Amino acid sequence: MIVILRPPDVCLDTPLCNGHTTGMDVLWAGTPMVTLPGESLASRVASSQLVALGCPELIAKDKADYEKIAIRLGTDKEL
């Protein structure tokens, strides 16, 4: 049985260790990914991916910004 699901509205990247390859899969599928870069290399991969793709607005400055971006993407039907 094949089930076709609606694509997700947004992917919430994990702050401590980003998705790396999984993050690229999400972005290639056309799903926006919100990230919050940290101090370590593993926590900054998604922000590098988003900058390279021209989507720096998906990089949060702090936890409150991460939540704000995620809520906007998850609720705004025009995006």
PDB file of N, CA and C in Angstrom:
ATOM      1  N   MET A   1       0.841  -1.169   0.000  1.00  0.00           N
ATOM      2  CA  MET A   1       0.000   0.000   0.000  1.00  0.00           C
ATOM      3  C   MET A   1       0.892   1.239   0.000  1.00  0.00           C
ATOM      4  N   ILE A   2       0.630   2.152  -0.897  1.00  0.00           N
ATOM      5  CA  ILE A   2       1.381   3.401  -0.960  1.00  0.00           C
ATOM      6  C   ILE A   2       0.513   4.509  -0.373  1.00  0.00           C
ATOM      7  N   VAL A   3       1.076   5.219   0.573  1.00  0.00           N
ATOM      8  CA  VAL A   3       0.375   6.328   1.199  1.00  0.00           C
ATOM      9  C   VAL A   3       1.111   7.610   0.858  1.00  0.00           C
ATOM     10  N   ILE A   4       0.396   8.559   0.307  1.00  0.00           N
ATOM     11  CA  ILE A   4       1.003   9.853  -0.024  1.00  0.00           C
ATOM     12  C   ILE A   4       0.582  10.848   1.049  1.00  0.00           C
ATOM     13  N   LEU A   5       1.550  11.372   1.732  1.00  0.00           N
ATOM     14  CA  LEU A   5       1.295  12.333   2.795  1.00  0.00           C
ATOM     15  C   LEU A   5       1.555  13.743   2.293  1.00  0.00           C
ATOM     16  N   ARG A   6       0.897  14.678   2.898  1.00  0.00           N
ATOM     17  CA  ARG A   6       1.150  16.079   2.594  1.00  0.00           C
ATOM     18  C   ARG A   6       2.533  16.445   3.135  1.00  0.00           C
ATOM     19  N   PRO A   7       3.336  17.158   2.354  1.00  0.00           N
ATOM     20  CA  PRO A   7       4.659  17.538   2.869  1.00  0.00           C
ATOM     21  C   PRO A   7       4.542  18.428   4.097  1.00  0.00           C
ATOM     22  N   PRO A   8       5.526  18.382   4.971  1.00  0.00           N
ATOM     23  CA  PRO A   8       5.471  19.212   6.178  1.00  0.00           C
ATOM     24  C   PRO A   8       5.573  20.696   5.834  1.00  0.00           C
ATOM     25  N   ASP A   9       5.039  21.535   6.726  1.00  0.00           N
ATOM     26  CA  ASP A   9       5.103  22.986   6.549  1.00  0.00           C
ATOM     27  C   ASP A   9       6.487  23.524   6.886  1.00  0.00           C
ATOM     28  N   VAL A  10       7.148  22.884   7.845  1.00  0.00           N
ATOM     29  CA  VAL A  10       8.439  23.385   8.329  1.00  0.00           C
ATOM     30  C   VAL A  10       9.201  22.245   9.007  1.00  0.00           C
ATOM     31  N   CYS A  11      10.512  22.321   8.934  1.00  0.00           N
ATOM     32  CA  CYS A  11      11.385  21.391   9.653  1.00  0.00           C
ATOM     33  C   CYS A  11      12.103  22.186  10.741  1.00  0.00           C
ATOM     34  N   LEU A  12      12.044  21.687  11.966  1.00  0.00           N
ATOM     35  CA  LEU A  12      12.738  22.332  13.078  1.00  0.00           C
ATOM     36  C   LEU A  12      14.055  21.609  13.301  1.00  0.00           C
ATOM     37  N   ASP A  13      15.135  22.247  12.916  1.00  0.00           N
ATOM     38  CA  ASP A  13      16.465  21.663  13.065  1.00  0.00           C
ATOM     39  C   ASP A  13      16.850  21.668  14.544  1.00  0.00           C
ATOM     40  N   THR A  14      17.530  20.636  14.974  1.00  0.00           N
ATOM     41  CA  THR A  14      17.945  20.556  16.371  1.00  0.00           C
ATOM     42  C   THR A  14      19.168  21.431  16.606  1.00  0.00           C
ATOM     43  N   PRO A  15      19.122  22.286  17.625  1.00  0.00           N
ATOM     44  CA  PRO A  15      20.206  23.243  17.845  1.00  0.00           C
ATOM     45  C   PRO A  15      21.568  22.628  18.208  1.00  0.00           C
ATOM     46  N   LEU A  16      21.600  21.561  18.974  1.00  0.00           N
ATOM     47  CA  LEU A  16      22.895  21.040  19.432  1.00  0.00           C
ATOM     48  C   LEU A  16      23.668  20.312  18.342  1.00  0.00           C
ATOM     49  N   CYS A  17      22.964  19.564  17.520  1.00  0.00           N
ATOM     50  CA  CYS A  17      23.604  18.839  16.419  1.00  0.00           C
ATOM     51  C   CYS A  17      22.657  18.887  15.235  1.00  0.00           C
ATOM     52  N   ASN A  18      23.006  19.673  14.232  1.00  0.00           N
ATOM     53  CA  ASN A  18      22.138  19.883  13.077  1.00  0.00           C
ATOM     54  C   ASN A  18      21.975  18.624  12.240  1.00  0.00           C
ATOM     55  N   GLY A  19      21.024  18.694  11.320  1.00  0.00           N
ATOM     56  CA  GLY A  19      20.662  17.543  10.504  1.00  0.00           C
ATOM     57  C   GLY A  19      21.681  17.119   9.459  1.00  0.00           C
ATOM     58  N   HIS A  20      22.584  17.980   9.058  1.00  0.00           N
ATOM     59  CA  HIS A  20      23.595  17.684   8.043  1.00  0.00           C
ATOM     60  C   HIS A  20      22.930  17.153   6.770  1.00  0.00           C
ATOM     61  N   THR A  21      23.122  15.893   6.417  1.00  0.00           N
ATOM     62  CA  THR A  21      22.553  15.318   5.196  1.00  0.00           C
ATOM     63  C   THR A  21      21.030  15.331   5.242  1.00  0.00           C
ATOM     64  N   THR A  22      20.469  15.026   6.390  1.00  0.00           N
ATOM     65  CA  THR A  22      19.018  15.049   6.533  1.00  0.00           C
ATOM     66  C   THR A  22      18.484  16.455   6.265  1.00  0.00           C
ATOM     67  N   GLY A  23      19.206  17.459   6.728  1.00  0.00           N
ATOM     68  CA  GLY A  23      18.814  18.838   6.469  1.00  0.00           C
ATOM     69  C   GLY A  23      18.788  19.146   4.982  1.00  0.00           C
ATOM     70  N   MET A  24      19.772  18.675   4.257  1.00  0.00           N
ATOM     71  CA  MET A  24      19.791  18.888   2.800  1.00  0.00           C
ATOM     72  C   MET A  24      18.636  18.165   2.135  1.00  0.00           C
ATOM     73  N   ASP A  25      18.318  16.959   2.593  1.00  0.00           N
ATOM     74  CA  ASP A  25      17.172  16.228   2.044  1.00  0.00           C
ATOM     75  C   ASP A  25      15.883  17.026   2.233  1.00  0.00           C
ATOM     76  N   VAL A  26      15.727  17.597   3.424  1.00  0.00           N
ATOM     77  CA  VAL A  26      14.544  18.406   3.734  1.00  0.00           C
ATOM     78  C   VAL A  26      14.484  19.616   2.796  1.00  0.00           C
ATOM     79  N   LEU A  27      15.597  20.302   2.633  1.00  0.00           N
ATOM     80  CA  LEU A  27      15.633  21.488   1.782  1.00  0.00           C
ATOM     81  C   LEU A  27      15.415  21.130   0.310  1.00  0.00           C
ATOM     82  N   TRP A  28      16.006  20.039  -0.150  1.00  0.00           N
ATOM     83  CA  TRP A  28      15.803  19.605  -1.537  1.00  0.00           C
ATOM     84  C   TRP A  28      14.338  19.262  -1.790  1.00  0.00           C
ATOM     85  N   ALA A  29      13.640  18.793  -0.772  1.00  0.00           N
ATOM     86  CA  ALA A  29      12.221  18.464  -0.907  1.00  0.00           C
ATOM     87  C   ALA A  29      11.343  19.721  -0.923  1.00  0.00           C
ATOM     88  N   GLY A  30      11.955  20.882  -0.663  1.00  0.00           N
ATOM     89  CA  GLY A  30      11.214  22.133  -0.696  1.00  0.00           C
ATOM     90  C   GLY A  30      10.601  22.552   0.630  1.00  0.00           C
ATOM     91  N   THR A  31      10.999  21.884   1.709  1.00  0.00           N
ATOM     92  CA  THR A  31      10.485  22.228   3.030  1.00  0.00           C
ATOM     93  C   THR A  31      11.445  23.206   3.697  1.00  0.00           C
ATOM     94  N   PRO A  32      10.942  24.335   4.189  1.00  0.00           N
ATOM     95  CA  PRO A  32      11.837  25.264   4.885  1.00  0.00           C
ATOM     96  C   PRO A  32      12.315  24.672   6.212  1.00  0.00           C
ATOM     97  N   MET A  33      13.546  24.957   6.555  1.00  0.00           N
ATOM     98  CA  MET A  33      14.143  24.448   7.788  1.00  0.00           C
ATOM     99  C   MET A  33      14.601  25.626   8.646  1.00  0.00           C
ATOM    100  N   VAL A  34      14.165  25.652   9.882  1.00  0.00           N
ATOM    101  CA  VAL A  34      14.563  26.696  10.826  1.00  0.00           C
ATOM    102  C   VAL A  34      15.703  26.154  11.671  1.00  0.00           C
ATOM    103  N   THR A  35      16.747  26.954  11.842  1.00  0.00           N
ATOM    104  CA  THR A  35      17.877  26.508  12.642  1.00  0.00           C
ATOM    105  C   THR A  35      18.333  27.601  13.599  1.00  0.00           C
ATOM    106  N   LEU A  36      18.990  27.177  14.651  1.00  0.00           N
ATOM    107  CA  LEU A  36      19.574  28.083  15.637  1.00  0.00           C
ATOM    108  C   LEU A  36      21.028  27.669  15.817  1.00  0.00           C
ATOM    109  N   PRO A  37      21.959  28.373  15.162  1.00  0.00           N
ATOM    110  CA  PRO A  37      23.363  27.975  15.257  1.00  0.00           C
ATOM    111  C   PRO A  37      23.924  28.147  16.664  1.00  0.00           C
ATOM    112  N   GLY A  38      24.834  27.262  17.006  1.00  0.00           N
ATOM    113  CA  GLY A  38      25.480  27.317  18.313  1.00  0.00           C
ATOM    114  C   GLY A  38      26.973  27.521  18.183  1.00  0.00           C
ATOM    115  N   GLU A  39      27.704  27.085  19.177  1.00  0.00           N
ATOM    116  CA  GLU A  39      29.161  27.283  19.229  1.00  0.00           C
ATOM    117  C   GLU A  39      29.940  26.244  18.417  1.00  0.00           C
ATOM    118  N   SER A  40      29.442  25.012  18.369  1.00  0.00           N
ATOM    119  CA  SER A  40      30.198  23.932  17.735  1.00  0.00           C
ATOM    120  C   SER A  40      29.943  23.865  16.225  1.00  0.00           C
ATOM    121  N   LEU A  41      30.855  23.232  15.516  1.00  0.00           N
ATOM    122  CA  LEU A  41      30.697  23.034  14.078  1.00  0.00           C
ATOM    123  C   LEU A  41      29.408  22.279  13.775  1.00  0.00           C
ATOM    124  N   ALA A  42      29.136  21.246  14.559  1.00  0.00           N
ATOM    125  CA  ALA A  42      27.940  20.416  14.334  1.00  0.00           C
ATOM    126  C   ALA A  42      26.647  21.210  14.489  1.00  0.00           C
ATOM    127  N   SER A  43      26.691  22.308  15.219  1.00  0.00           N
ATOM    128  CA  SER A  43      25.483  23.111  15.428  1.00  0.00           C
ATOM    129  C   SER A  43      25.378  24.285  14.446  1.00  0.00           C
ATOM    130  N   ARG A  44      26.322  24.382  13.514  1.00  0.00           N
ATOM    131  CA  ARG A  44      26.307  25.484  12.545  1.00  0.00           C
ATOM    132  C   ARG A  44      26.156  25.018  11.100  1.00  0.00           C
ATOM    133  N   VAL A  45      26.054  23.723  10.883  1.00  0.00           N
ATOM    134  CA  VAL A  45      25.974  23.187   9.521  1.00  0.00           C
ATOM    135  C   VAL A  45      24.744  23.711   8.788  1.00  0.00           C
ATOM    136  N   ALA A  46      23.583  23.635   9.418  1.00  0.00           N
ATOM    137  CA  ALA A  46      22.350  24.060   8.752  1.00  0.00           C
ATOM    138  C   ALA A  46      22.378  25.546   8.394  1.00  0.00           C
ATOM    139  N   SER A  47      22.976  26.365   9.237  1.00  0.00           N
ATOM    140  CA  SER A  47      23.043  27.793   8.906  1.00  0.00           C
ATOM    141  C   SER A  47      23.918  28.008   7.671  1.00  0.00           C
ATOM    142  N   SER A  48      24.979  27.243   7.537  1.00  0.00           N
ATOM    143  CA  SER A  48      25.814  27.324   6.330  1.00  0.00           C
ATOM    144  C   SER A  48      25.027  26.900   5.095  1.00  0.00           C
ATOM    145  N   GLN A  49      24.237  25.843   5.232  1.00  0.00           N
ATOM    146  CA  GLN A  49      23.413  25.371   4.117  1.00  0.00           C
ATOM    147  C   GLN A  49      22.398  26.443   3.716  1.00  0.00           C
ATOM    148  N   LEU A  50      21.752  27.046   4.697  1.00  0.00           N
ATOM    149  CA  LEU A  50      20.738  28.054   4.406  1.00  0.00           C
ATOM    150  C   LEU A  50      21.333  29.308   3.771  1.00  0.00           C
ATOM    151  N   VAL A  51      22.504  29.718   4.223  1.00  0.00           N
ATOM    152  CA  VAL A  51      23.172  30.867   3.609  1.00  0.00           C
ATOM    153  C   VAL A  51      23.527  30.549   2.158  1.00  0.00           C
ATOM    154  N   ALA A  52      24.057  29.350   1.917  1.00  0.00           N
ATOM    155  CA  ALA A  52      24.437  28.951   0.562  1.00  0.00           C
ATOM    156  C   ALA A  52      23.229  28.903  -0.377  1.00  0.00           C
ATOM    157  N   LEU A  53      22.066  28.574   0.162  1.00  0.00           N
ATOM    158  CA  LEU A  53      20.852  28.502  -0.648  1.00  0.00           C
ATOM    159  C   LEU A  53      20.106  29.833  -0.732  1.00  0.00           C
ATOM    160  N   GLY A  54      20.636  30.862  -0.057  1.00  0.00           N
ATOM    161  CA  GLY A  54      20.008  32.181  -0.103  1.00  0.00           C
ATOM    162  C   GLY A  54      18.800  32.320   0.800  1.00  0.00           C
ATOM    163  N   CYS A  55      18.793  31.590   1.919  1.00  0.00           N
ATOM    164  CA  CYS A  55      17.668  31.629   2.858  1.00  0.00           C
ATOM    165  C   CYS A  55      18.106  32.012   4.272  1.00  0.00           C
ATOM    166  N   PRO A  56      18.864  33.094   4.438  1.00  0.00           N
ATOM    167  CA  PRO A  56      19.348  33.439   5.775  1.00  0.00           C
ATOM    168  C   PRO A  56      18.240  33.831   6.752  1.00  0.00           C
ATOM    169  N   GLU A  57      17.052  34.156   6.239  1.00  0.00           N
ATOM    170  CA  GLU A  57      15.938  34.523   7.115  1.00  0.00           C
ATOM    171  C   GLU A  57      15.436  33.343   7.944  1.00  0.00           C
ATOM    172  N   LEU A  58      15.886  32.130   7.632  1.00  0.00           N
ATOM    173  CA  LEU A  58      15.498  30.934   8.393  1.00  0.00           C
ATOM    174  C   LEU A  58      16.491  30.612   9.513  1.00  0.00           C
ATOM    175  N   ILE A  59      17.498  31.446   9.675  1.00  0.00           N
ATOM    176  CA  ILE A  59      18.493  31.262  10.732  1.00  0.00           C
ATOM    177  C   ILE A  59      18.107  32.162  11.906  1.00  0.00           C
ATOM    178  N   ALA A  60      17.762  31.541  13.013  1.00  0.00           N
ATOM    179  CA  ALA A  60      17.331  32.290  14.191  1.00  0.00           C
ATOM    180  C   ALA A  60      18.509  32.909  14.931  1.00  0.00           C
ATOM    181  N   LYS A  61      18.254  34.056  15.539  1.00  0.00           N
ATOM    182  CA  LYS A  61      19.285  34.750  16.318  1.00  0.00           C
ATOM    183  C   LYS A  61      19.328  34.263  17.765  1.00  0.00           C
ATOM    184  N   ASP A  62      18.180  33.790  18.264  1.00  0.00           N
ATOM    185  CA  ASP A  62      18.083  33.279  19.631  1.00  0.00           C
ATOM    186  C   ASP A  62      16.867  32.359  19.715  1.00  0.00           C
ATOM    187  N   LYS A  63      16.607  31.803  20.897  1.00  0.00           N
ATOM    188  CA  LYS A  63      15.504  30.841  21.052  1.00  0.00           C
ATOM    189  C   LYS A  63      14.151  31.463  20.728  1.00  0.00           C
ATOM    190  N   ALA A  64      13.943  32.697  21.137  1.00  0.00           N
ATOM    191  CA  ALA A  64      12.673  33.370  20.864  1.00  0.00           C
ATOM    192  C   ALA A  64      12.479  33.570  19.357  1.00  0.00           C
ATOM    193  N   ASP A  65      13.534  33.913  18.657  1.00  0.00           N
ATOM    194  CA  ASP A  65      13.475  34.100  17.209  1.00  0.00           C
ATOM    195  C   ASP A  65      13.205  32.766  16.512  1.00  0.00           C
ATOM    196  N   TYR A  66      13.824  31.686  17.003  1.00  0.00           N
ATOM    197  CA  TYR A  66      13.606  30.328  16.477  1.00  0.00           C
ATOM    198  C   TYR A  66      12.124  29.986  16.552  1.00  0.00           C
ATOM    199  N   GLU A  67      11.535  30.237  17.701  1.00  0.00           N
ATOM    200  CA  GLU A  67      10.111  29.956  17.900  1.00  0.00           C
ATOM    201  C   GLU A  67       9.246  30.837  16.998  1.00  0.00           C
ATOM    202  N   LYS A  68       9.581  32.104  16.891  1.00  0.00           N
ATOM    203  CA  LYS A  68       8.812  33.051  16.069  1.00  0.00           C
ATOM    204  C   LYS A  68       8.818  32.634  14.590  1.00  0.00           C
ATOM    205  N   ILE A  69       9.990  32.282  14.077  1.00  0.00           N
ATOM    206  CA  ILE A  69      10.104  31.863  12.677  1.00  0.00           C
ATOM    207  C   ILE A  69       9.307  30.578  12.452  1.00  0.00           C
ATOM    208  N   ALA A  70       9.443  29.621  13.360  1.00  0.00           N
ATOM    209  CA  ALA A  70       8.748  28.338  13.226  1.00  0.00           C
ATOM    210  C   ALA A  70       7.229  28.517  13.239  1.00  0.00           C
ATOM    211  N   ILE A  71       6.733  29.333  14.146  1.00  0.00           N
ATOM    212  CA  ILE A  71       5.288  29.567  14.230  1.00  0.00           C
ATOM    213  C   ILE A  71       4.777  30.246  12.966  1.00  0.00           C
ATOM    214  N   ARG A  72       5.529  31.222  12.480  1.00  0.00           N
ATOM    215  CA  ARG A  72       5.117  31.919  11.255  1.00  0.00           C
ATOM    216  C   ARG A  72       5.046  30.951  10.067  1.00  0.00           C
ATOM    217  N   LEU A  73       6.069  30.109   9.918  1.00  0.00           N
ATOM    218  CA  LEU A  73       6.073  29.158   8.813  1.00  0.00           C
ATOM    219  C   LEU A  73       4.985  28.099   8.944  1.00  0.00           C
ATOM    220  N   GLY A  74       4.691  27.725  10.174  1.00  0.00           N
ATOM    221  CA  GLY A  74       3.695  26.692  10.409  1.00  0.00           C
ATOM    222  C   GLY A  74       2.263  27.162  10.332  1.00  0.00           C
ATOM    223  N   THR A  75       2.053  28.465  10.420  1.00  0.00           N
ATOM    224  CA  THR A  75       0.673  28.977  10.440  1.00  0.00           C
ATOM    225  C   THR A  75       0.309  29.869   9.275  1.00  0.00           C
ATOM    226  N   ASP A  76       1.279  30.480   8.619  1.00  0.00           N
ATOM    227  CA  ASP A  76       1.001  31.385   7.500  1.00  0.00           C
ATOM    228  C   ASP A  76       0.775  30.577   6.220  1.00  0.00           C
ATOM    229  N   LYS A  77      -0.452  30.500   5.770  1.00  0.00           N
ATOM    230  CA  LYS A  77      -0.803  29.685   4.602  1.00  0.00           C
ATOM    231  C   LYS A  77      -0.269  30.278   3.298  1.00  0.00           C
ATOM    232  N   GLU A  78       0.171  31.518   3.322  1.00  0.00           N
ATOM    233  CA  GLU A  78       0.694  32.157   2.113  1.00  0.00           C
ATOM    234  C   GLU A  78       2.159  31.810   1.853  1.00  0.00           C
ATOM    235  N   LEU A  79       2.844  31.274   2.844  1.00  0.00           N
ATOM    236  CA  LEU A  79       4.272  30.957   2.668  1.00  0.00           C
ATOM    237  C   LEU A  79       4.484  29.607   2.054  1.00  0.00           C
TER     238      LEU A  79
END
